Amino acid sequence: MTEKEVQLLGFVKEVISEYEGEIESDYYYVLDMVDGLTLITPTNDEVKNNEWYVEFFNTDPLVRFNKMEEVQILVNKITNAIVKNEK
């Protein structure tokens, strides 16, 4: 998938910088679904040929998705399965 597709899926850009005011260079995208369930992309310097992918954060083994359609289905299913607190 492309970087634009990652953005369209609602992922938020996180800039990696060691120093305040440093020129933006390395970044990745993240989507926090619920506490403990996060989707993350590789950093821009790891992406080859503008082929971005999404993984579940901090899992072993890695769970990776390469197509926007697959990620959209996953996000929709998780979003629809979230149980809201009823009062």
PDB file of N, CA and C in Angstrom:
ATOM      1  N   MET A   1       0.849  -1.164   0.000  1.00  0.00           N
ATOM      2  CA  MET A   1       0.000   0.000   0.000  1.00  0.00           C
ATOM      3  C   MET A   1       0.897   1.230   0.000  1.00  0.00           C
ATOM      4  N   THR A   2       0.344   2.344  -0.359  1.00  0.00           N
ATOM      5  CA  THR A   2       1.117   3.577  -0.432  1.00  0.00           C
ATOM      6  C   THR A   2       1.020   4.345   0.897  1.00  0.00           C
ATOM      7  N   GLU A   3       1.876   5.335   1.043  1.00  0.00           N
ATOM      8  CA  GLU A   3       1.830   6.179   2.233  1.00  0.00           C
ATOM      9  C   GLU A   3       0.493   6.915   2.304  1.00  0.00           C
ATOM     10  N   LYS A   4      -0.014   7.356   1.190  1.00  0.00           N
ATOM     11  CA  LYS A   4      -1.307   8.051   1.150  1.00  0.00           C
ATOM     12  C   LYS A   4      -2.422   7.133   1.651  1.00  0.00           C
ATOM     13  N   GLU A   5      -2.381   5.861   1.279  1.00  0.00           N
ATOM     14  CA  GLU A   5      -3.394   4.911   1.741  1.00  0.00           C
ATOM     15  C   GLU A   5      -3.308   4.716   3.252  1.00  0.00           C
ATOM     16  N   VAL A   6      -2.088   4.675   3.783  1.00  0.00           N
ATOM     17  CA  VAL A   6      -1.905   4.572   5.237  1.00  0.00           C
ATOM     18  C   VAL A   6      -2.575   5.769   5.912  1.00  0.00           C
ATOM     19  N   GLN A   7      -2.371   6.956   5.364  1.00  0.00           N
ATOM     20  CA  GLN A   7      -2.975   8.163   5.916  1.00  0.00           C
ATOM     21  C   GLN A   7      -4.497   8.106   5.823  1.00  0.00           C
ATOM     22  N   LEU A   8      -5.018   7.639   4.691  1.00  0.00           N
ATOM     23  CA  LEU A   8      -6.465   7.539   4.510  1.00  0.00           C
ATOM     24  C   LEU A   8      -7.109   6.573   5.495  1.00  0.00           C
ATOM     25  N   LEU A   9      -6.348   5.584   5.959  1.00  0.00           N
ATOM     26  CA  LEU A   9      -6.851   4.621   6.933  1.00  0.00           C
ATOM     27  C   LEU A   9      -6.919   5.205   8.345  1.00  0.00           C
ATOM     28  N   GLY A  10      -6.429   6.428   8.507  1.00  0.00           N
ATOM     29  CA  GLY A  10      -6.525   7.091   9.800  1.00  0.00           C
ATOM     30  C   GLY A  10      -5.284   6.982  10.672  1.00  0.00           C
ATOM     31  N   PHE A  11      -4.199   6.488  10.125  1.00  0.00           N
ATOM     32  CA  PHE A  11      -2.963   6.383  10.886  1.00  0.00           C
ATOM     33  C   PHE A  11      -2.393   7.772  11.143  1.00  0.00           C
ATOM     34  N   VAL A  12      -1.759   7.941  12.300  1.00  0.00           N
ATOM     35  CA  VAL A  12      -1.187   9.213  12.719  1.00  0.00           C
ATOM     36  C   VAL A  12       0.325   9.152  12.556  1.00  0.00           C
ATOM     37  N   LYS A  13       0.882  10.204  11.981  1.00  0.00           N
ATOM     38  CA  LYS A  13       2.323  10.283  11.746  1.00  0.00           C
ATOM     39  C   LYS A  13       3.056  10.604  13.044  1.00  0.00           C
ATOM     40  N   GLU A  14       4.088   9.815  13.352  1.00  0.00           N
ATOM     41  CA  GLU A  14       4.935  10.038  14.517  1.00  0.00           C
ATOM     42  C   GLU A  14       6.352  10.304  14.018  1.00  0.00           C
ATOM     43  N   VAL A  15       6.889  11.466  14.343  1.00  0.00           N
ATOM     44  CA  VAL A  15       8.227  11.856  13.901  1.00  0.00           C
ATOM     45  C   VAL A  15       9.247  11.412  14.935  1.00  0.00           C
ATOM     46  N   ILE A  16      10.338  10.853  14.449  1.00  0.00           N
ATOM     47  CA  ILE A  16      11.431  10.428  15.312  1.00  0.00           C
ATOM     48  C   ILE A  16      12.514  11.496  15.242  1.00  0.00           C
ATOM     49  N   SER A  17      12.799  12.107  16.373  1.00  0.00           N
ATOM     50  CA  SER A  17      13.885  13.086  16.410  1.00  0.00           C
ATOM     51  C   SER A  17      14.580  13.002  17.755  1.00  0.00           C
ATOM     52  N   GLU A  18      15.889  13.094  17.726  1.00  0.00           N
ATOM     53  CA  GLU A  18      16.654  13.021  18.960  1.00  0.00           C
ATOM     54  C   GLU A  18      16.705  14.366  19.663  1.00  0.00           C
ATOM     55  N   TYR A  19      16.587  15.451  18.908  1.00  0.00           N
ATOM     56  CA  TYR A  19      16.758  16.778  19.469  1.00  0.00           C
ATOM     57  C   TYR A  19      15.569  17.663  19.127  1.00  0.00           C
ATOM     58  N   GLU A  20      15.180  18.510  20.077  1.00  0.00           N
ATOM     59  CA  GLU A  20      14.115  19.481  19.830  1.00  0.00           C
ATOM     60  C   GLU A  20      14.483  20.346  18.627  1.00  0.00           C
ATOM     61  N   GLY A  21      13.530  20.597  17.766  1.00  0.00           N
ATOM     62  CA  GLY A  21      13.759  21.464  16.621  1.00  0.00           C
ATOM     63  C   GLY A  21      14.505  20.810  15.477  1.00  0.00           C
ATOM     64  N   GLU A  22      14.806  19.528  15.617  1.00  0.00           N
ATOM     65  CA  GLU A  22      15.511  18.828  14.543  1.00  0.00           C
ATOM     66  C   GLU A  22      14.615  18.755  13.309  1.00  0.00           C
ATOM     67  N   ILE A  23      15.216  18.859  12.160  1.00  0.00           N
ATOM     68  CA  ILE A  23      14.463  18.766  10.912  1.00  0.00           C
ATOM     69  C   ILE A  23      13.866  17.366  10.802  1.00  0.00           C
ATOM     70  N   GLU A  24      12.594  17.320  10.436  1.00  0.00           N
ATOM     71  CA  GLU A  24      11.895  16.046  10.297  1.00  0.00           C
ATOM     72  C   GLU A  24      12.593  15.186   9.255  1.00  0.00           C
ATOM     73  N   SER A  25      12.932  13.959   9.653  1.00  0.00           N
ATOM     74  CA  SER A  25      13.545  13.067   8.687  1.00  0.00           C
ATOM     75  C   SER A  25      12.906  11.689   8.756  1.00  0.00           C
ATOM     76  N   ASP A  26      13.018  11.039   9.881  1.00  0.00           N
ATOM     77  CA  ASP A  26      12.456   9.703  10.005  1.00  0.00           C
ATOM     78  C   ASP A  26      11.105   9.763  10.710  1.00  0.00           C
ATOM     79  N   TYR A  27      10.179   8.950  10.230  1.00  0.00           N
ATOM     80  CA  TYR A  27       8.851   8.914  10.816  1.00  0.00           C
ATOM     81  C   TYR A  27       8.201   7.577  10.513  1.00  0.00           C
ATOM     82  N   TYR A  28       7.134   7.302  11.226  1.00  0.00           N
ATOM     83  CA  TYR A  28       6.324   6.110  11.003  1.00  0.00           C
ATOM     84  C   TYR A  28       4.881   6.505  11.303  1.00  0.00           C
ATOM     85  N   TYR A  29       3.958   5.585  11.068  1.00  0.00           N
ATOM     86  CA  TYR A  29       2.547   5.840  11.331  1.00  0.00           C
ATOM     87  C   TYR A  29       2.032   4.835  12.351  1.00  0.00           C
ATOM     88  N   VAL A  30       1.075   5.266  13.150  1.00  0.00           N
ATOM     89  CA  VAL A  30       0.516   4.418  14.195  1.00  0.00           C
ATOM     90  C   VAL A  30      -0.999   4.608  14.261  1.00  0.00           C
ATOM     91  N   LEU A  31      -1.690   3.546  14.615  1.00  0.00           N
ATOM     92  CA  LEU A  31      -3.135   3.597  14.830  1.00  0.00           C
ATOM     93  C   LEU A  31      -3.439   2.816  16.101  1.00  0.00           C
ATOM     94  N   ASP A  32      -3.785   3.536  17.169  1.00  0.00           N
ATOM     95  CA  ASP A  32      -4.153   2.902  18.433  1.00  0.00           C
ATOM     96  C   ASP A  32      -5.626   2.521  18.358  1.00  0.00           C
ATOM     97  N   MET A  33      -5.898   1.227  18.353  1.00  0.00           N
ATOM     98  CA  MET A  33      -7.276   0.749  18.252  1.00  0.00           C
ATOM     99  C   MET A  33      -7.955   0.799  19.623  1.00  0.00           C
ATOM    100  N   VAL A  34      -7.396   0.089  20.567  1.00  0.00           N
ATOM    101  CA  VAL A  34      -7.815   0.096  21.972  1.00  0.00           C
ATOM    102  C   VAL A  34      -6.550  -0.086  22.790  1.00  0.00           C
ATOM    103  N   ASP A  35      -6.641   0.125  24.088  1.00  0.00           N
ATOM    104  CA  ASP A  35      -5.480  -0.026  24.950  1.00  0.00           C
ATOM    105  C   ASP A  35      -4.870  -1.416  24.761  1.00  0.00           C
ATOM    106  N   GLY A  36      -3.616  -1.459  24.354  1.00  0.00           N
ATOM    107  CA  GLY A  36      -2.924  -2.725  24.154  1.00  0.00           C
ATOM    108  C   GLY A  36      -3.012  -3.282  22.747  1.00  0.00           C
ATOM    109  N   LEU A  37      -3.748  -2.620  21.858  1.00  0.00           N
ATOM    110  CA  LEU A  37      -3.886  -3.089  20.482  1.00  0.00           C
ATOM    111  C   LEU A  37      -3.575  -1.939  19.532  1.00  0.00           C
ATOM    112  N   THR A  38      -2.373  -1.968  18.974  1.00  0.00           N
ATOM    113  CA  THR A  38      -1.889  -0.888  18.126  1.00  0.00           C
ATOM    114  C   THR A  38      -1.377  -1.451  16.808  1.00  0.00           C
ATOM    115  N   LEU A  39      -1.689  -0.746  15.732  1.00  0.00           N
ATOM    116  CA  LEU A  39      -1.135  -1.061  14.421  1.00  0.00           C
ATOM    117  C   LEU A  39      -0.054  -0.039  14.117  1.00  0.00           C
ATOM    118  N   ILE A  40       1.036  -0.481  13.503  1.00  0.00           N
ATOM    119  CA  ILE A  40       2.179   0.390  13.265  1.00  0.00           C
ATOM    120  C   ILE A  40       2.804   0.070  11.904  1.00  0.00           C
ATOM    121  N   THR A  41       3.393   1.088  11.277  1.00  0.00           N
ATOM    122  CA  THR A  41       4.110   0.902  10.011  1.00  0.00           C
ATOM    123  C   THR A  41       5.607   0.883  10.286  1.00  0.00           C
ATOM    124  N   PRO A  42       6.395   0.502   9.298  1.00  0.00           N
ATOM    125  CA  PRO A  42       7.839   0.674   9.451  1.00  0.00           C
ATOM    126  C   PRO A  42       8.180   2.163   9.343  1.00  0.00           C
ATOM    127  N   THR A  43       9.402   2.528   9.683  1.00  0.00           N
ATOM    128  CA  THR A  43       9.822   3.906   9.480  1.00  0.00           C
ATOM    129  C   THR A  43      10.018   4.154   7.995  1.00  0.00           C
ATOM    130  N   ASN A  44       9.893   5.412   7.609  1.00  0.00           N
ATOM    131  CA  ASN A  44       9.965   5.761   6.188  1.00  0.00           C
ATOM    132  C   ASN A  44      11.280   5.306   5.543  1.00  0.00           C
ATOM    133  N   ASP A  45      12.373   5.253   6.311  1.00  0.00           N
ATOM    134  CA  ASP A  45      13.644   4.831   5.726  1.00  0.00           C
ATOM    135  C   ASP A  45      13.724   3.321   5.496  1.00  0.00           C
ATOM    136  N   GLU A  46      12.760   2.563   6.037  1.00  0.00           N
ATOM    137  CA  GLU A  46      12.714   1.122   5.821  1.00  0.00           C
ATOM    138  C   GLU A  46      11.804   0.743   4.644  1.00  0.00           C
ATOM    139  N   VAL A  47      10.997   1.690   4.173  1.00  0.00           N
ATOM    140  CA  VAL A  47      10.038   1.422   3.095  1.00  0.00           C
ATOM    141  C   VAL A  47      10.762   1.418   1.750  1.00  0.00           C
ATOM    142  N   LYS A  48      10.517   0.396   0.963  1.00  0.00           N
ATOM    143  CA  LYS A  48      11.124   0.278  -0.370  1.00  0.00           C
ATOM    144  C   LYS A  48      10.051   0.443  -1.442  1.00  0.00           C
ATOM    145  N   ASN A  49      10.340   1.243  -2.449  1.00  0.00           N
ATOM    146  CA  ASN A  49       9.437   1.451  -3.588  1.00  0.00           C
ATOM    147  C   ASN A  49       8.049   1.922  -3.176  1.00  0.00           C
ATOM    148  N   ASN A  50       7.962   2.726  -2.118  1.00  0.00           N
ATOM    149  CA  ASN A  50       6.691   3.241  -1.601  1.00  0.00           C
ATOM    150  C   ASN A  50       5.688   2.130  -1.306  1.00  0.00           C
ATOM    151  N   GLU A  51       6.183   0.967  -0.885  1.00  0.00           N
ATOM    152  CA  GLU A  51       5.326  -0.160  -0.525  1.00  0.00           C
ATOM    153  C   GLU A  51       5.294  -0.283   0.990  1.00  0.00           C
ATOM    154  N   TRP A  52       4.352   0.439   1.594  1.00  0.00           N
ATOM    155  CA  TRP A  52       4.187   0.434   3.042  1.00  0.00           C
ATOM    156  C   TRP A  52       3.423  -0.806   3.474  1.00  0.00           C
ATOM    157  N   TYR A  53       3.601  -1.187   4.719  1.00  0.00           N
ATOM    158  CA  TYR A  53       2.832  -2.281   5.304  1.00  0.00           C
ATOM    159  C   TYR A  53       2.497  -1.920   6.743  1.00  0.00           C
ATOM    160  N   VAL A  54       1.596  -2.686   7.333  1.00  0.00           N
ATOM    161  CA  VAL A  54       1.120  -2.448   8.688  1.00  0.00           C
ATOM    162  C   VAL A  54       1.299  -3.735   9.479  1.00  0.00           C
ATOM    163  N   GLU A  55       1.734  -3.591  10.734  1.00  0.00           N
ATOM    164  CA  GLU A  55       1.882  -4.741  11.621  1.00  0.00           C
ATOM    165  C   GLU A  55       1.209  -4.442  12.949  1.00  0.00           C
ATOM    166  N   PHE A  56       0.832  -5.515  13.671  1.00  0.00           N
ATOM    167  CA  PHE A  56       0.432  -5.336  15.056  1.00  0.00           C
ATOM    168  C   PHE A  56       1.699  -4.999  15.821  1.00  0.00           C
ATOM    169  N   PHE A  57       1.619  -4.018  16.714  1.00  0.00           N
ATOM    170  CA  PHE A  57       2.770  -3.590  17.499  1.00  0.00           C
ATOM    171  C   PHE A  57       3.117  -4.638  18.542  1.00  0.00           C
ATOM    172  N   ASN A  58       4.408  -4.959  18.601  1.00  0.00           N
ATOM    173  CA  ASN A  58       4.966  -5.771  19.676  1.00  0.00           C
ATOM    174  C   ASN A  58       4.366  -7.170  19.764  1.00  0.00           C
ATOM    175  N   THR A  59       4.319  -7.867  18.649  1.00  0.00           N
ATOM    176  CA  THR A  59       3.851  -9.253  18.659  1.00  0.00           C
ATOM    177  C   THR A  59       4.958 -10.177  18.160  1.00  0.00           C
ATOM    178  N   ASP A  60       4.903 -11.408  18.607  1.00  0.00           N
ATOM    179  CA  ASP A  60       5.828 -12.437  18.149  1.00  0.00           C
ATOM    180  C   ASP A  60       5.027 -13.706  17.975  1.00  0.00           C
ATOM    181  N   PRO A  61       4.881 -14.174  16.759  1.00  0.00           N
ATOM    182  CA  PRO A  61       5.511 -13.693  15.527  1.00  0.00           C
ATOM    183  C   PRO A  61       4.821 -12.427  15.013  1.00  0.00           C
ATOM    184  N   LEU A  62       5.468 -11.802  14.036  1.00  0.00           N
ATOM    185  CA  LEU A  62       4.913 -10.612  13.399  1.00  0.00           C
ATOM    186  C   LEU A  62       3.634 -10.960  12.656  1.00  0.00           C
ATOM    187  N   VAL A  63       2.672 -10.049  12.705  1.00  0.00           N
ATOM    188  CA  VAL A  63       1.431 -10.172  11.932  1.00  0.00           C
ATOM    189  C   VAL A  63       1.403  -8.961  11.020  1.00  0.00           C
ATOM    190  N   ARG A  64       1.529  -9.193   9.698  1.00  0.00           N
ATOM    191  CA  ARG A  64       1.728  -8.103   8.745  1.00  0.00           C
ATOM    192  C   ARG A  64       0.645  -8.097   7.666  1.00  0.00           C
ATOM    193  N   PHE A  65       0.241  -6.869   7.282  1.00  0.00           N
ATOM    194  CA  PHE A  65      -0.734  -6.664   6.213  1.00  0.00           C
ATOM    195  C   PHE A  65      -0.126  -5.721   5.185  1.00  0.00           C
ATOM    196  N   ASN A  66      -0.242  -6.069   3.902  1.00  0.00           N
ATOM    197  CA  ASN A  66       0.358  -5.286   2.825  1.00  0.00           C
ATOM    198  C   ASN A  66      -0.654  -4.516   1.982  1.00  0.00           C
ATOM    199  N   LYS A  67      -1.925  -4.868   2.087  1.00  0.00           N
ATOM    200  CA  LYS A  67      -2.937  -4.256   1.223  1.00  0.00           C
ATOM    201  C   LYS A  67      -3.897  -3.391   2.029  1.00  0.00           C
ATOM    202  N   MET A  68      -4.201  -2.224   1.472  1.00  0.00           N
ATOM    203  CA  MET A  68      -5.108  -1.288   2.134  1.00  0.00           C
ATOM    204  C   MET A  68      -6.451  -1.944   2.441  1.00  0.00           C
ATOM    205  N   GLU A  69      -6.971  -2.704   1.522  1.00  0.00           N
ATOM    206  CA  GLU A  69      -8.277  -3.329   1.688  1.00  0.00           C
ATOM    207  C   GLU A  69      -8.289  -4.257   2.898  1.00  0.00           C
ATOM    208  N   GLU A  70      -7.207  -5.017   3.090  1.00  0.00           N
ATOM    209  CA  GLU A  70      -7.113  -5.921   4.234  1.00  0.00           C
ATOM    210  C   GLU A  70      -7.098  -5.148   5.551  1.00  0.00           C
ATOM    211  N   VAL A  71      -6.343  -4.066   5.579  1.00  0.00           N
ATOM    212  CA  VAL A  71      -6.256  -3.249   6.794  1.00  0.00           C
ATOM    213  C   VAL A  71      -7.599  -2.590   7.071  1.00  0.00           C
ATOM    214  N   GLN A  72      -8.284  -2.099   6.033  1.00  0.00           N
ATOM    215  CA  GLN A  72      -9.594  -1.467   6.214  1.00  0.00           C
ATOM    216  C   GLN A  72     -10.592  -2.453   6.795  1.00  0.00           C
ATOM    217  N   ILE A  73     -10.594  -3.677   6.301  1.00  0.00           N
ATOM    218  CA  ILE A  73     -11.495  -4.711   6.832  1.00  0.00           C
ATOM    219  C   ILE A  73     -11.167  -4.989   8.293  1.00  0.00           C
ATOM    220  N   LEU A  74      -9.880  -5.119   8.606  1.00  0.00           N
ATOM    221  CA  LEU A  74      -9.449  -5.378   9.977  1.00  0.00           C
ATOM    222  C   LEU A  74      -9.873  -4.251  10.912  1.00  0.00           C
ATOM    223  N   VAL A  75      -9.605  -3.024  10.522  1.00  0.00           N
ATOM    224  CA  VAL A  75      -9.966  -1.860  11.347  1.00  0.00           C
ATOM    225  C   VAL A  75     -11.477  -1.805  11.546  1.00  0.00           C
ATOM    226  N   ASN A  76     -12.237  -2.035  10.487  1.00  0.00           N
ATOM    227  CA  ASN A  76     -13.708  -2.021  10.599  1.00  0.00           C
ATOM    228  C   ASN A  76     -14.200  -3.097  11.562  1.00  0.00           C
ATOM    229  N   LYS A  77     -13.659  -4.296  11.448  1.00  0.00           N
ATOM    230  CA  LYS A  77     -14.095  -5.400  12.320  1.00  0.00           C
ATOM    231  C   LYS A  77     -13.773  -5.106  13.782  1.00  0.00           C
ATOM    232  N   ILE A  78     -12.572  -4.607  14.034  1.00  0.00           N
ATOM    233  CA  ILE A  78     -12.201  -4.289  15.412  1.00  0.00           C
ATOM    234  C   ILE A  78     -13.057  -3.149  15.942  1.00  0.00           C
ATOM    235  N   THR A  79     -13.224  -2.105  15.153  1.00  0.00           N
ATOM    236  CA  THR A  79     -14.032  -0.956  15.578  1.00  0.00           C
ATOM    237  C   THR A  79     -15.459  -1.378  15.892  1.00  0.00           C
ATOM    238  N   ASN A  80     -16.023  -2.237  15.055  1.00  0.00           N
ATOM    239  CA  ASN A  80     -17.402  -2.691  15.275  1.00  0.00           C
ATOM    240  C   ASN A  80     -17.521  -3.643  16.464  1.00  0.00           C
ATOM    241  N   ALA A  81     -16.430  -4.286  16.861  1.00  0.00           N
ATOM    242  CA  ALA A  81     -16.466  -5.245  17.962  1.00  0.00           C
ATOM    243  C   ALA A  81     -16.187  -4.602  19.321  1.00  0.00           C
ATOM    244  N   ILE A  82     -15.777  -3.349  19.324  1.00  0.00           N
ATOM    245  CA  ILE A  82     -15.488  -2.682  20.584  1.00  0.00           C
ATOM    246  C   ILE A  82     -16.777  -2.476  21.354  1.00  0.00           C
ATOM    247  N   VAL A  83     -16.788  -2.970  22.578  1.00  0.00           N
ATOM    248  CA  VAL A  83     -17.973  -2.861  23.422  1.00  0.00           C
ATOM    249  C   VAL A  83     -17.872  -1.577  24.215  1.00  0.00           C
ATOM    250  N   LYS A  84     -18.832  -0.728  24.026  1.00  0.00           N
ATOM    251  CA  LYS A  84     -18.873   0.561  24.731  1.00  0.00           C
ATOM    252  C   LYS A  84     -19.414   0.344  26.137  1.00  0.00           C
ATOM    253  N   ASN A  85     -18.927   1.101  27.080  1.00  0.00           N
ATOM    254  CA  ASN A  85     -19.453   1.039  28.446  1.00  0.00           C
ATOM    255  C   ASN A  85     -20.891   1.529  28.446  1.00  0.00           C
ATOM    256  N   GLU A  86     -21.771   0.701  28.927  1.00  0.00           N
ATOM    257  CA  GLU A  86     -23.176   1.073  29.004  1.00  0.00           C
ATOM    258  C   GLU A  86     -23.501   1.470  30.432  1.00  0.00           C
ATOM    259  N   LYS A  87     -24.178   2.609  30.588  1.00  0.00           N
ATOM    260  CA  LYS A  87     -24.537   3.062  31.941  1.00  0.00           C
ATOM    261  C   LYS A  87     -26.018   3.177  32.068  1.00  0.00           C
TER     262      LYS A  87
END
